[in-house]
Amino acid sequence: MSSTATDLSTLSPSDRKRSYGEFRNIVAQRGLYFSEGAEPTDRKRNTKWVATVTVSGVTYRSDAFTQGKMEALHLAAASALRHLGAP
């Protein structure tokens, strides 16, 4: 299984917000199986999150310094979208 991470500096704020919904739609349209997960990196404060989405055996990971669960999922999804060839 391979893995790739998203560089926060390459995503605009609008990319961060729309990526997760687009990712789910594209995966569904292509009939691909995916899994997702997110967890805090600092369990006492829940202030930093890391997320992964896996599509067809390839895992895409968000940066570990995101401020919330959904932002982490958006970033992981943005990385997956790039590799799936989505605009």
PDB file of N, CA and C in Angstrom:
ATOM      1  N   MET A   1       0.850  -1.169   0.000  1.00  0.00           N
ATOM      2  CA  MET A   1       0.000   0.000   0.000  1.00  0.00           C
ATOM      3  C   MET A   1       0.895   1.231   0.000  1.00  0.00           C
ATOM      4  N   SER A   2       0.635   2.190  -0.864  1.00  0.00           N
ATOM      5  CA  SER A   2       1.433   3.403  -0.897  1.00  0.00           C
ATOM      6  C   SER A   2       0.690   4.537  -0.212  1.00  0.00           C
ATOM      7  N   SER A   3       1.421   5.621   0.059  1.00  0.00           N
ATOM      8  CA  SER A   3       0.835   6.744   0.783  1.00  0.00           C
ATOM      9  C   SER A   3       1.388   8.040   0.228  1.00  0.00           C
ATOM     10  N   THR A   4       0.578   9.082   0.257  1.00  0.00           N
ATOM     11  CA  THR A   4       1.014  10.404  -0.161  1.00  0.00           C
ATOM     12  C   THR A   4       0.385  11.435   0.758  1.00  0.00           C
ATOM     13  N   ALA A   5       1.077  12.541   0.982  1.00  0.00           N
ATOM     14  CA  ALA A   5       0.587  13.577   1.891  1.00  0.00           C
ATOM     15  C   ALA A   5       0.270  14.849   1.128  1.00  0.00           C
ATOM     16  N   THR A   6      -0.617  15.653   1.688  1.00  0.00           N
ATOM     17  CA  THR A   6      -1.003  16.925   1.099  1.00  0.00           C
ATOM     18  C   THR A   6      -0.189  18.048   1.722  1.00  0.00           C
ATOM     19  N   ASP A   7       0.396  18.892   0.895  1.00  0.00           N
ATOM     20  CA  ASP A   7       1.107  20.066   1.362  1.00  0.00           C
ATOM     21  C   ASP A   7       0.091  21.196   1.491  1.00  0.00           C
ATOM     22  N   LEU A   8      -0.100  21.688   2.711  1.00  0.00           N
ATOM     23  CA  LEU A   8      -1.084  22.740   2.963  1.00  0.00           C
ATOM     24  C   LEU A   8      -0.874  23.970   2.096  1.00  0.00           C
ATOM     25  N   SER A   9       0.380  24.306   1.814  1.00  0.00           N
ATOM     26  CA  SER A   9       0.664  25.538   1.082  1.00  0.00           C
ATOM     27  C   SER A   9       0.187  25.489  -0.364  1.00  0.00           C
ATOM     28  N   THR A  10      -0.119  24.319  -0.886  1.00  0.00           N
ATOM     29  CA  THR A  10      -0.539  24.219  -2.287  1.00  0.00           C
ATOM     30  C   THR A  10      -2.047  24.306  -2.466  1.00  0.00           C
ATOM     31  N   LEU A  11      -2.798  24.410  -1.378  1.00  0.00           N
ATOM     32  CA  LEU A  11      -4.259  24.440  -1.472  1.00  0.00           C
ATOM     33  C   LEU A  11      -4.813  25.809  -1.107  1.00  0.00           C
ATOM     34  N   SER A  12      -5.708  26.305  -1.948  1.00  0.00           N
ATOM     35  CA  SER A  12      -6.389  27.557  -1.625  1.00  0.00           C
ATOM     36  C   SER A  12      -7.479  27.264  -0.602  1.00  0.00           C
ATOM     37  N   PRO A  13      -7.970  28.284   0.111  1.00  0.00           N
ATOM     38  CA  PRO A  13      -9.060  28.057   1.069  1.00  0.00           C
ATOM     39  C   PRO A  13     -10.290  27.435   0.420  1.00  0.00           C
ATOM     40  N   SER A  14     -10.601  27.827  -0.813  1.00  0.00           N
ATOM     41  CA  SER A  14     -11.775  27.242  -1.468  1.00  0.00           C
ATOM     42  C   SER A  14     -11.538  25.768  -1.798  1.00  0.00           C
ATOM     43  N   ASP A  15     -10.297  25.406  -2.172  1.00  0.00           N
ATOM     44  CA  ASP A  15      -9.977  23.996  -2.410  1.00  0.00           C
ATOM     45  C   ASP A  15     -10.162  23.181  -1.141  1.00  0.00           C
ATOM     46  N   ARG A  16      -9.755  23.746  -0.031  1.00  0.00           N
ATOM     47  CA  ARG A  16      -9.867  23.025   1.237  1.00  0.00           C
ATOM     48  C   ARG A  16     -11.320  22.733   1.582  1.00  0.00           C
ATOM     49  N   LYS A  17     -12.208  23.652   1.266  1.00  0.00           N
ATOM     50  CA  LYS A  17     -13.606  23.488   1.654  1.00  0.00           C
ATOM     51  C   LYS A  17     -14.387  22.570   0.722  1.00  0.00           C
ATOM     52  N   ARG A  18     -14.058  22.562  -0.553  1.00  0.00           N
ATOM     53  CA  ARG A  18     -14.876  21.787  -1.485  1.00  0.00           C
ATOM     54  C   ARG A  18     -14.334  20.386  -1.752  1.00  0.00           C
ATOM     55  N   SER A  19     -13.118  20.135  -1.410  1.00  0.00           N
ATOM     56  CA  SER A  19     -12.462  18.893  -1.804  1.00  0.00           C
ATOM     57  C   SER A  19     -13.147  17.629  -1.315  1.00  0.00           C
ATOM     58  N   TYR A  20     -13.580  17.605  -0.080  1.00  0.00           N
ATOM     59  CA  TYR A  20     -14.131  16.377   0.477  1.00  0.00           C
ATOM     60  C   TYR A  20     -15.420  15.965  -0.231  1.00  0.00           C
ATOM     61  N   GLY A  21     -16.315  16.912  -0.463  1.00  0.00           N
ATOM     62  CA  GLY A  21     -17.556  16.606  -1.171  1.00  0.00           C
ATOM     63  C   GLY A  21     -17.295  16.145  -2.593  1.00  0.00           C
ATOM     64  N   GLU A  22     -16.388  16.818  -3.285  1.00  0.00           N
ATOM     65  CA  GLU A  22     -16.036  16.427  -4.647  1.00  0.00           C
ATOM     66  C   GLU A  22     -15.411  15.040  -4.667  1.00  0.00           C
ATOM     67  N   PHE A  23     -14.556  14.793  -3.717  1.00  0.00           N
ATOM     68  CA  PHE A  23     -13.907  13.489  -3.629  1.00  0.00           C
ATOM     69  C   PHE A  23     -14.945  12.379  -3.510  1.00  0.00           C
ATOM     70  N   ARG A  24     -15.892  12.535  -2.612  1.00  0.00           N
ATOM     71  CA  ARG A  24     -16.924  11.510  -2.415  1.00  0.00           C
ATOM     72  C   ARG A  24     -17.744  11.307  -3.693  1.00  0.00           C
ATOM     73  N   ASN A  25     -18.076  12.399  -4.383  1.00  0.00           N
ATOM     74  CA  ASN A  25     -18.840  12.293  -5.630  1.00  0.00           C
ATOM     75  C   ASN A  25     -18.055  11.574  -6.729  1.00  0.00           C
ATOM     76  N   ILE A  26     -16.805  11.938  -6.907  1.00  0.00           N
ATOM     77  CA  ILE A  26     -15.982  11.336  -7.960  1.00  0.00           C
ATOM     78  C   ILE A  26     -15.763   9.855  -7.692  1.00  0.00           C
ATOM     79  N   VAL A  27     -15.484   9.511  -6.447  1.00  0.00           N
ATOM     80  CA  VAL A  27     -15.280   8.102  -6.103  1.00  0.00           C
ATOM     81  C   VAL A  27     -16.559   7.308  -6.374  1.00  0.00           C
ATOM     82  N   ALA A  28     -17.702   7.873  -6.022  1.00  0.00           N
ATOM     83  CA  ALA A  28     -18.985   7.189  -6.258  1.00  0.00           C
ATOM     84  C   ALA A  28     -19.248   7.032  -7.758  1.00  0.00           C
ATOM     85  N   GLN A  29     -18.987   8.094  -8.538  1.00  0.00           N
ATOM     86  CA  GLN A  29     -19.211   8.035  -9.983  1.00  0.00           C
ATOM     87  C   GLN A  29     -18.346   6.972 -10.649  1.00  0.00           C
ATOM     88  N   ARG A  30     -17.140   6.794 -10.152  1.00  0.00           N
ATOM     89  CA  ARG A  30     -16.221   5.820 -10.745  1.00  0.00           C
ATOM     90  C   ARG A  30     -16.403   4.418 -10.161  1.00  0.00           C
ATOM     91  N   GLY A  31     -17.280   4.289  -9.189  1.00  0.00           N
ATOM     92  CA  GLY A  31     -17.533   2.981  -8.594  1.00  0.00           C
ATOM     93  C   GLY A  31     -16.369   2.441  -7.787  1.00  0.00           C
ATOM     94  N   LEU A  32     -15.569   3.335  -7.206  1.00  0.00           N
ATOM     95  CA  LEU A  32     -14.405   2.923  -6.427  1.00  0.00           C
ATOM     96  C   LEU A  32     -14.764   2.758  -4.955  1.00  0.00           C
ATOM     97  N   TYR A  33     -14.077   1.861  -4.289  1.00  0.00           N
ATOM     98  CA  TYR A  33     -14.248   1.681  -2.848  1.00  0.00           C
ATOM     99  C   TYR A  33     -13.270   2.604  -2.142  1.00  0.00           C
ATOM    100  N   PHE A  34     -13.717   3.241  -1.068  1.00  0.00           N
ATOM    101  CA  PHE A  34     -12.794   4.058  -0.293  1.00  0.00           C
ATOM    102  C   PHE A  34     -13.107   3.927   1.188  1.00  0.00           C
ATOM    103  N   SER A  35     -12.107   4.245   1.989  1.00  0.00           N
ATOM    104  CA  SER A  35     -12.293   4.307   3.438  1.00  0.00           C
ATOM    105  C   SER A  35     -11.672   5.610   3.913  1.00  0.00           C
ATOM    106  N   GLU A  36     -12.065   6.036   5.080  1.00  0.00           N
ATOM    107  CA  GLU A  36     -11.562   7.302   5.616  1.00  0.00           C
ATOM    108  C   GLU A  36     -11.405   7.183   7.120  1.00  0.00           C
ATOM    109  N   GLY A  37     -10.607   8.063   7.674  1.00  0.00           N
ATOM    110  CA  GLY A  37     -10.435   8.104   9.114  1.00  0.00           C
ATOM    111  C   GLY A  37      -9.757   9.393   9.516  1.00  0.00           C
ATOM    112  N   ALA A  38     -10.038   9.851  10.723  1.00  0.00           N
ATOM    113  CA  ALA A  38      -9.398  11.058  11.251  1.00  0.00           C
ATOM    114  C   ALA A  38      -9.244  10.891  12.751  1.00  0.00           C
ATOM    115  N   GLU A  39      -8.136  11.386  13.263  1.00  0.00           N
ATOM    116  CA  GLU A  39      -7.925  11.318  14.704  1.00  0.00           C
ATOM    117  C   GLU A  39      -7.063  12.486  15.154  1.00  0.00           C
ATOM    118  N   PRO A  40      -7.247  12.910  16.414  1.00  0.00           N
ATOM    119  CA  PRO A  40      -6.431  14.008  16.929  1.00  0.00           C
ATOM    120  C   PRO A  40      -5.005  13.532  17.179  1.00  0.00           C
ATOM    121  N   THR A  41      -4.044  14.401  16.918  1.00  0.00           N
ATOM    122  CA  THR A  41      -2.654  14.059  17.207  1.00  0.00           C
ATOM    123  C   THR A  41      -2.307  14.411  18.642  1.00  0.00           C
ATOM    124  N   ASP A  42      -3.078  15.288  19.250  1.00  0.00           N
ATOM    125  CA  ASP A  42      -2.908  15.657  20.658  1.00  0.00           C
ATOM    126  C   ASP A  42      -4.222  15.314  21.351  1.00  0.00           C
ATOM    127  N   ARG A  43      -4.330  14.134  21.885  1.00  0.00           N
ATOM    128  CA  ARG A  43      -5.597  13.639  22.429  1.00  0.00           C
ATOM    129  C   ARG A  43      -6.113  14.448  23.619  1.00  0.00           C
ATOM    130  N   LYS A  44      -5.251  15.103  24.346  1.00  0.00           N
ATOM    131  CA  LYS A  44      -5.704  15.888  25.500  1.00  0.00           C
ATOM    132  C   LYS A  44      -6.427  17.159  25.071  1.00  0.00           C
ATOM    133  N   ARG A  45      -5.975  17.754  23.982  1.00  0.00           N
ATOM    134  CA  ARG A  45      -6.541  19.036  23.548  1.00  0.00           C
ATOM    135  C   ARG A  45      -7.417  18.929  22.310  1.00  0.00           C
ATOM    136  N   ASN A  46      -7.260  17.867  21.525  1.00  0.00           N
ATOM    137  CA  ASN A  46      -7.993  17.706  20.259  1.00  0.00           C
ATOM    138  C   ASN A  46      -7.823  18.912  19.339  1.00  0.00           C
ATOM    139  N   THR A  47      -6.626  19.480  19.321  1.00  0.00           N
ATOM    140  CA  THR A  47      -6.414  20.685  18.524  1.00  0.00           C
ATOM    141  C   THR A  47      -5.748  20.427  17.182  1.00  0.00           C
ATOM    142  N   LYS A  48      -5.064  19.324  17.031  1.00  0.00           N
ATOM    143  CA  LYS A  48      -4.390  19.018  15.770  1.00  0.00           C
ATOM    144  C   LYS A  48      -4.875  17.659  15.290  1.00  0.00           C
ATOM    145  N   TRP A  49      -5.220  17.608  14.010  1.00  0.00           N
ATOM    146  CA  TRP A  49      -5.808  16.390  13.448  1.00  0.00           C
ATOM    147  C   TRP A  49      -5.032  15.899  12.248  1.00  0.00           C
ATOM    148  N   VAL A  50      -5.085  14.603  12.025  1.00  0.00           N
ATOM    149  CA  VAL A  50      -4.548  13.986  10.823  1.00  0.00           C
ATOM    150  C   VAL A  50      -5.647  13.076  10.281  1.00  0.00           C
ATOM    151  N   ALA A  51      -5.781  13.041   8.967  1.00  0.00           N
ATOM    152  CA  ALA A  51      -6.821  12.211   8.351  1.00  0.00           C
ATOM    153  C   ALA A  51      -6.227  11.442   7.184  1.00  0.00           C
ATOM    154  N   THR A  52      -6.850  10.333   6.875  1.00  0.00           N
ATOM    155  CA  THR A  52      -6.459   9.559   5.702  1.00  0.00           C
ATOM    156  C   THR A  52      -7.697   9.145   4.933  1.00  0.00           C
ATOM    157  N   VAL A  53      -7.552   9.065   3.634  1.00  0.00           N
ATOM    158  CA  VAL A  53      -8.556   8.428   2.786  1.00  0.00           C
ATOM    159  C   VAL A  53      -7.792   7.417   1.937  1.00  0.00           C
ATOM    160  N   THR A  54      -8.367   6.262   1.755  1.00  0.00           N
ATOM    161  CA  THR A  54      -7.736   5.204   0.972  1.00  0.00           C
ATOM    162  C   THR A  54      -8.647   4.846  -0.189  1.00  0.00           C
ATOM    163  N   VAL A  55      -8.084   4.882  -1.389  1.00  0.00           N
ATOM    164  CA  VAL A  55      -8.825   4.541  -2.604  1.00  0.00           C
ATOM    165  C   VAL A  55      -8.007   3.505  -3.364  1.00  0.00           C
ATOM    166  N   SER A  56      -8.614   2.382  -3.638  1.00  0.00           N
ATOM    167  CA  SER A  56      -7.965   1.320  -4.417  1.00  0.00           C
ATOM    168  C   SER A  56      -6.566   0.991  -3.899  1.00  0.00           C
ATOM    169  N   GLY A  57      -6.419   0.915  -2.589  1.00  0.00           N
ATOM    170  CA  GLY A  57      -5.153   0.519  -1.987  1.00  0.00           C
ATOM    171  C   GLY A  57      -4.126   1.617  -1.824  1.00  0.00           C
ATOM    172  N   VAL A  58      -4.434   2.836  -2.241  1.00  0.00           N
ATOM    173  CA  VAL A  58      -3.511   3.960  -2.077  1.00  0.00           C
ATOM    174  C   VAL A  58      -4.070   4.869  -0.990  1.00  0.00           C
ATOM    175  N   THR A  59      -3.234   5.187  -0.001  1.00  0.00           N
ATOM    176  CA  THR A  59      -3.661   6.022   1.117  1.00  0.00           C
ATOM    177  C   THR A  59      -3.154   7.442   0.930  1.00  0.00           C
ATOM    178  N   TYR A  60      -4.051   8.400   1.086  1.00  0.00           N
ATOM    179  CA  TYR A  60      -3.731   9.824   0.991  1.00  0.00           C
ATOM    180  C   TYR A  60      -3.905  10.409   2.379  1.00  0.00           C
ATOM    181  N   ARG A  61      -2.892  11.140   2.846  1.00  0.00           N
ATOM    182  CA  ARG A  61      -2.865  11.619   4.221  1.00  0.00           C
ATOM    183  C   ARG A  61      -2.849  13.142   4.257  1.00  0.00           C
ATOM    184  N   SER A  62      -3.559  13.698   5.236  1.00  0.00           N
ATOM    185  CA  SER A  62      -3.515  15.148   5.432  1.00  0.00           C
ATOM    186  C   SER A  62      -2.283  15.502   6.248  1.00  0.00           C
ATOM    187  N   ASP A  63      -1.975  16.771   6.297  1.00  0.00           N
ATOM    188  CA  ASP A  63      -0.915  17.268   7.147  1.00  0.00           C
ATOM    189  C   ASP A  63      -1.339  17.103   8.602  1.00  0.00           C
ATOM    190  N   ALA A  64      -0.428  16.806   9.478  1.00  0.00           N
ATOM    191  CA  ALA A  64      -0.757  16.561  10.886  1.00  0.00           C
ATOM    192  C   ALA A  64      -1.056  17.838  11.664  1.00  0.00           C
ATOM    193  N   PHE A  65      -0.945  18.997  11.033  1.00  0.00           N
ATOM    194  CA  PHE A  65      -1.117  20.237  11.773  1.00  0.00           C
ATOM    195  C   PHE A  65      -2.431  20.946  11.483  1.00  0.00           C
ATOM    196  N   THR A  66      -3.427  20.251  10.976  1.00  0.00           N
ATOM    197  CA  THR A  66      -4.716  20.874  10.716  1.00  0.00           C
ATOM    198  C   THR A  66      -5.422  21.169  12.028  1.00  0.00           C
ATOM    199  N   GLN A  67      -6.330  22.123  11.987  1.00  0.00           N
ATOM    200  CA  GLN A  67      -6.993  22.575  13.204  1.00  0.00           C
ATOM    201  C   GLN A  67      -8.305  21.864  13.502  1.00  0.00           C
ATOM    202  N   GLY A  68      -8.801  21.048  12.603  1.00  0.00           N
ATOM    203  CA  GLY A  68     -10.060  20.366  12.858  1.00  0.00           C
ATOM    204  C   GLY A  68     -10.205  19.108  12.026  1.00  0.00           C
ATOM    205  N   LYS A  69     -11.123  18.254  12.446  1.00  0.00           N
ATOM    206  CA  LYS A  69     -11.338  16.973  11.784  1.00  0.00           C
ATOM    207  C   LYS A  69     -11.738  17.148  10.319  1.00  0.00           C
ATOM    208  N   MET A  70     -12.700  18.022  10.038  1.00  0.00           N
ATOM    209  CA  MET A  70     -13.156  18.182   8.656  1.00  0.00           C
ATOM    210  C   MET A  70     -12.075  18.793   7.772  1.00  0.00           C
ATOM    211  N   GLU A  71     -11.302  19.731   8.300  1.00  0.00           N
ATOM    212  CA  GLU A  71     -10.215  20.293   7.494  1.00  0.00           C
ATOM    213  C   GLU A  71      -9.216  19.191   7.137  1.00  0.00           C
ATOM    214  N   ALA A  72      -8.927  18.320   8.076  1.00  0.00           N
ATOM    215  CA  ALA A  72      -8.010  17.213   7.805  1.00  0.00           C
ATOM    216  C   ALA A  72      -8.569  16.309   6.707  1.00  0.00           C
ATOM    217  N   LEU A  73      -9.866  15.997   6.773  1.00  0.00           N
ATOM    218  CA  LEU A  73     -10.485  15.171   5.735  1.00  0.00           C
ATOM    219  C   LEU A  73     -10.469  15.871   4.379  1.00  0.00           C
ATOM    220  N   HIS A  74     -10.722  17.187   4.370  1.00  0.00           N
ATOM    221  CA  HIS A  74     -10.672  17.950   3.116  1.00  0.00           C
ATOM    222  C   HIS A  74      -9.281  17.854   2.488  1.00  0.00           C
ATOM    223  N   LEU A  75      -8.245  17.975   3.302  1.00  0.00           N
ATOM    224  CA  LEU A  75      -6.884  17.956   2.776  1.00  0.00           C
ATOM    225  C   LEU A  75      -6.497  16.582   2.240  1.00  0.00           C
ATOM    226  N   ALA A  76      -6.873  15.550   2.954  1.00  0.00           N
ATOM    227  CA  ALA A  76      -6.590  14.198   2.467  1.00  0.00           C
ATOM    228  C   ALA A  76      -7.335  13.952   1.154  1.00  0.00           C
ATOM    229  N   ALA A  77      -8.575  14.406   1.089  1.00  0.00           N
ATOM    230  CA  ALA A  77      -9.378  14.238  -0.128  1.00  0.00           C
ATOM    231  C   ALA A  77      -8.786  15.035  -1.289  1.00  0.00           C
ATOM    232  N   ALA A  78      -8.264  16.226  -1.016  1.00  0.00           N
ATOM    233  CA  ALA A  78      -7.654  17.037  -2.073  1.00  0.00           C
ATOM    234  C   ALA A  78      -6.458  16.310  -2.679  1.00  0.00           C
ATOM    235  N   SER A  79      -5.681  15.666  -1.835  1.00  0.00           N
ATOM    236  CA  SER A  79      -4.550  14.897  -2.332  1.00  0.00           C
ATOM    237  C   SER A  79      -5.026  13.746  -3.212  1.00  0.00           C
ATOM    238  N   ALA A  80      -6.063  13.058  -2.776  1.00  0.00           N
ATOM    239  CA  ALA A  80      -6.616  11.950  -3.564  1.00  0.00           C
ATOM    240  C   ALA A  80      -7.150  12.451  -4.900  1.00  0.00           C
ATOM    241  N   LEU A  81      -7.841  13.593  -4.895  1.00  0.00           N
ATOM    242  CA  LEU A  81      -8.402  14.140  -6.133  1.00  0.00           C
ATOM    243  C   LEU A  81      -7.317  14.415  -7.164  1.00  0.00           C
ATOM    244  N   ARG A  82      -6.207  14.945  -6.716  1.00  0.00           N
ATOM    245  CA  ARG A  82      -5.103  15.221  -7.644  1.00  0.00           C
ATOM    246  C   ARG A  82      -4.633  13.939  -8.322  1.00  0.00           C
ATOM    247  N   HIS A  83      -4.515  12.886  -7.549  1.00  0.00           N
ATOM    248  CA  HIS A  83      -4.001  11.629  -8.091  1.00  0.00           C
ATOM    249  C   HIS A  83      -5.046  10.861  -8.886  1.00  0.00           C
ATOM    250  N   LEU A  84      -6.316  11.161  -8.653  1.00  0.00           N
ATOM    251  CA  LEU A  84      -7.384  10.529  -9.428  1.00  0.00           C
ATOM    252  C   LEU A  84      -7.629  11.259 -10.745  1.00  0.00           C
ATOM    253  N   GLY A  85      -6.924  12.378 -10.942  1.00  0.00           N
ATOM    254  CA  GLY A  85      -7.053  13.124 -12.186  1.00  0.00           C
ATOM    255  C   GLY A  85      -8.239  14.061 -12.226  1.00  0.00           C
ATOM    256  N   ALA A  86      -8.771  14.427 -11.059  1.00  0.00           N
ATOM    257  CA  ALA A  86      -9.897  15.365 -11.016  1.00  0.00           C
ATOM    258  C   ALA A  86      -9.378  16.784 -11.196  1.00  0.00           C
ATOM    259  N   PRO A  87     -10.153  17.638 -11.853  1.00  0.00           N
ATOM    260  CA  PRO A  87      -9.714  19.031 -12.073  1.00  0.00           C
ATOM    261  C   PRO A  87      -9.667  19.818 -10.781  1.00  0.00           C
TER     262      PRO A  87
END
